[in-house]
Amino acid sequence: MAILKANEIRELSLEEMQEKIVEMKKELMKEGVNKATGGSPSNPGKIKELKRTIARVLTIIKEKEAQNA
């Protein structure tokens, strides 16, 4: 999963954003399991970047919901 920029996220529909969140959470879980089992991460900054991207998507979803309300 590539890290998404805010402009790229805003172009997606709400359903697509929800799908992206599910994908990223699965990937985050895999990375967390890998770290917990003592494996070395392929990219050490990936966990932090996934968390930031999930938060970014959730923020944009809230913005869109506020505009529609």
N, C-alpha and C. Protein backbone atom coordinates (compact mmCIF):
# COMPACT_ATOMS: atom_id res chain seq x y z
N MET A 1 0.85 -1.18 0.00
CA MET A 1 0.00 0.00 0.00
C MET A 1 0.89 1.23 0.00
N ALA A 2 0.69 2.06 -0.98
CA ALA A 2 1.45 3.29 -1.06
C ALA A 2 0.88 4.32 -0.10
N ILE A 3 1.74 5.18 0.38
CA ILE A 3 1.30 6.26 1.26
C ILE A 3 0.58 7.29 0.40
N LEU A 4 -0.59 7.71 0.87
CA LEU A 4 -1.42 8.63 0.10
C LEU A 4 -1.24 10.07 0.59
N LYS A 5 -1.23 10.97 -0.33
CA LYS A 5 -1.19 12.39 -0.01
C LYS A 5 -2.61 12.89 0.17
N ALA A 6 -2.76 14.02 0.84
CA ALA A 6 -4.08 14.57 1.13
C ALA A 6 -4.87 14.86 -0.16
N ASN A 7 -4.20 15.36 -1.18
CA ASN A 7 -4.90 15.65 -2.45
C ASN A 7 -5.42 14.38 -3.10
N GLU A 8 -4.64 13.31 -3.02
CA GLU A 8 -5.08 12.03 -3.59
C GLU A 8 -6.28 11.49 -2.83
N ILE A 9 -6.27 11.65 -1.52
CA ILE A 9 -7.36 11.14 -0.68
C ILE A 9 -8.64 11.89 -0.97
N ARG A 10 -8.56 13.21 -1.14
CA ARG A 10 -9.75 14.02 -1.36
C ARG A 10 -10.45 13.66 -2.68
N GLU A 11 -9.71 13.10 -3.63
CA GLU A 11 -10.30 12.71 -4.91
C GLU A 11 -11.13 11.44 -4.79
N LEU A 12 -10.95 10.66 -3.72
CA LEU A 12 -11.65 9.40 -3.54
C LEU A 12 -13.06 9.62 -2.99
N SER A 13 -13.94 8.66 -3.24
CA SER A 13 -15.28 8.72 -2.65
C SER A 13 -15.19 8.19 -1.22
N LEU A 14 -16.24 8.39 -0.45
CA LEU A 14 -16.25 7.93 0.93
C LEU A 14 -16.08 6.41 1.02
N GLU A 15 -16.69 5.67 0.11
CA GLU A 15 -16.58 4.22 0.12
C GLU A 15 -15.14 3.78 -0.15
N GLU A 16 -14.50 4.45 -1.10
CA GLU A 16 -13.11 4.13 -1.42
C GLU A 16 -12.20 4.45 -0.24
N MET A 17 -12.50 5.53 0.46
CA MET A 17 -11.70 5.88 1.63
C MET A 17 -11.83 4.81 2.72
N GLN A 18 -13.06 4.33 2.92
CA GLN A 18 -13.27 3.28 3.92
C GLN A 18 -12.49 2.02 3.55
N GLU A 19 -12.47 1.67 2.26
CA GLU A 19 -11.71 0.51 1.80
C GLU A 19 -10.22 0.70 2.05
N LYS A 20 -9.72 1.89 1.78
CA LYS A 20 -8.30 2.18 2.01
C LYS A 20 -7.95 2.04 3.48
N ILE A 21 -8.83 2.51 4.36
CA ILE A 21 -8.58 2.40 5.79
C ILE A 21 -8.48 0.93 6.20
N VAL A 22 -9.39 0.11 5.69
CA VAL A 22 -9.36 -1.33 6.02
C VAL A 22 -8.05 -1.95 5.54
N GLU A 23 -7.63 -1.63 4.31
CA GLU A 23 -6.38 -2.15 3.77
C GLU A 23 -5.18 -1.73 4.63
N MET A 24 -5.14 -0.45 4.99
CA MET A 24 -4.01 0.06 5.77
C MET A 24 -3.99 -0.54 7.17
N LYS A 25 -5.15 -0.74 7.78
CA LYS A 25 -5.19 -1.34 9.11
C LYS A 25 -4.71 -2.79 9.07
N LYS A 26 -5.05 -3.52 8.00
CA LYS A 26 -4.54 -4.88 7.85
C LYS A 26 -3.03 -4.89 7.72
N GLU A 27 -2.51 -3.97 6.91
CA GLU A 27 -1.07 -3.88 6.71
C GLU A 27 -0.37 -3.48 8.01
N LEU A 28 -0.99 -2.56 8.76
CA LEU A 28 -0.43 -2.15 10.04
C LEU A 28 -0.39 -3.31 11.01
N MET A 29 -1.43 -4.13 10.99
CA MET A 29 -1.48 -5.30 11.87
C MET A 29 -0.37 -6.28 11.50
N LYS A 30 -0.15 -6.50 10.22
CA LYS A 30 0.93 -7.39 9.77
C LYS A 30 2.28 -6.89 10.25
N GLU A 31 2.50 -5.59 10.10
CA GLU A 31 3.77 -5.01 10.53
C GLU A 31 3.94 -5.14 12.04
N GLY A 32 2.84 -4.93 12.78
CA GLY A 32 2.90 -5.05 14.23
C GLY A 32 3.20 -6.47 14.67
N VAL A 33 2.61 -7.45 14.01
CA VAL A 33 2.88 -8.85 14.33
C VAL A 33 4.33 -9.19 14.02
N ASN A 34 4.81 -8.70 12.89
CA ASN A 34 6.21 -8.93 12.52
C ASN A 34 7.15 -8.36 13.58
N LYS A 35 6.84 -7.18 14.05
CA LYS A 35 7.67 -6.53 15.07
C LYS A 35 7.58 -7.28 16.40
N ALA A 36 6.38 -7.74 16.76
CA ALA A 36 6.18 -8.42 18.03
C ALA A 36 6.87 -9.78 18.08
N THR A 37 6.99 -10.42 16.93
CA THR A 37 7.63 -11.73 16.90
C THR A 37 9.14 -11.62 16.81
N GLY A 38 9.66 -10.43 16.80
CA GLY A 38 11.10 -10.23 16.80
C GLY A 38 11.70 -10.11 15.42
N GLY A 39 10.88 -10.07 14.40
CA GLY A 39 11.38 -9.90 13.05
C GLY A 39 11.84 -8.48 12.82
N SER A 40 12.77 -8.33 11.89
CA SER A 40 13.23 -6.99 11.59
C SER A 40 12.35 -6.40 10.50
N PRO A 41 11.91 -5.18 10.69
CA PRO A 41 11.03 -4.56 9.69
C PRO A 41 11.79 -4.27 8.39
N SER A 42 11.11 -4.43 7.28
CA SER A 42 11.74 -4.14 6.00
C SER A 42 11.94 -2.63 5.84
N ASN A 43 11.02 -1.87 6.41
CA ASN A 43 11.10 -0.41 6.37
C ASN A 43 10.74 0.10 7.77
N PRO A 44 11.70 0.55 8.54
CA PRO A 44 11.44 0.93 9.93
C PRO A 44 10.41 2.05 10.12
N GLY A 45 10.28 2.94 9.17
CA GLY A 45 9.34 4.05 9.30
C GLY A 45 7.95 3.74 8.79
N LYS A 46 7.72 2.52 8.34
CA LYS A 46 6.45 2.17 7.72
C LYS A 46 5.29 2.22 8.70
N ILE A 47 5.49 1.75 9.93
CA ILE A 47 4.41 1.73 10.92
C ILE A 47 3.95 3.15 11.22
N LYS A 48 4.90 4.03 11.45
CA LYS A 48 4.57 5.43 11.75
C LYS A 48 3.83 6.08 10.58
N GLU A 49 4.30 5.81 9.36
CA GLU A 49 3.70 6.41 8.18
C GLU A 49 2.29 5.85 7.94
N LEU A 50 2.08 4.56 8.21
CA LEU A 50 0.74 3.99 8.08
C LEU A 50 -0.23 4.63 9.07
N LYS A 51 0.21 4.82 10.30
CA LYS A 51 -0.65 5.45 11.30
C LYS A 51 -1.02 6.87 10.89
N ARG A 52 -0.06 7.60 10.36
CA ARG A 52 -0.32 8.97 9.92
C ARG A 52 -1.30 9.01 8.76
N THR A 53 -1.14 8.08 7.83
CA THR A 53 -2.02 8.05 6.66
C THR A 53 -3.44 7.68 7.07
N ILE A 54 -3.59 6.73 8.00
CA ILE A 54 -4.92 6.37 8.49
C ILE A 54 -5.57 7.59 9.14
N ALA A 55 -4.82 8.30 9.95
CA ALA A 55 -5.36 9.50 10.60
C ALA A 55 -5.73 10.56 9.56
N ARG A 56 -4.92 10.69 8.53
CA ARG A 56 -5.18 11.67 7.47
C ARG A 56 -6.49 11.34 6.76
N VAL A 57 -6.70 10.06 6.44
CA VAL A 57 -7.93 9.65 5.76
C VAL A 57 -9.14 9.89 6.66
N LEU A 58 -9.02 9.52 7.94
CA LEU A 58 -10.13 9.73 8.86
C LEU A 58 -10.48 11.21 9.01
N THR A 59 -9.47 12.06 9.02
CA THR A 59 -9.70 13.50 9.12
C THR A 59 -10.45 14.02 7.90
N ILE A 60 -10.06 13.56 6.72
CA ILE A 60 -10.71 14.02 5.49
C ILE A 60 -12.14 13.50 5.43
N ILE A 61 -12.38 12.30 5.93
CA ILE A 61 -13.75 11.77 5.99
C ILE A 61 -14.60 12.67 6.87
N LYS A 62 -14.08 13.07 8.03
CA LYS A 62 -14.82 13.96 8.94
C LYS A 62 -15.11 15.30 8.27
N GLU A 63 -14.13 15.82 7.52
CA GLU A 63 -14.34 17.09 6.82
C GLU A 63 -15.48 16.97 5.80
N LYS A 64 -15.49 15.89 5.04
CA LYS A 64 -16.54 15.70 4.03
C LYS A 64 -17.90 15.54 4.67
N GLU A 65 -17.96 14.82 5.79
CA GLU A 65 -19.23 14.65 6.49
C GLU A 65 -19.74 15.97 7.04
N ALA A 66 -18.83 16.81 7.51
CA ALA A 66 -19.22 18.12 8.04
C ALA A 66 -19.75 19.02 6.92
N GLN A 67 -19.17 18.92 5.74
CA GLN A 67 -19.63 19.72 4.61
C GLN A 67 -21.02 19.27 4.16
N ASN A 68 -21.28 17.99 4.21
CA ASN A 68 -22.57 17.47 3.78
C ASN A 68 -23.69 17.72 4.78
N ALA A 69 -23.32 17.94 6.03
CA ALA A 69 -24.34 18.13 7.06
C ALA A 69 -24.85 19.54 7.10
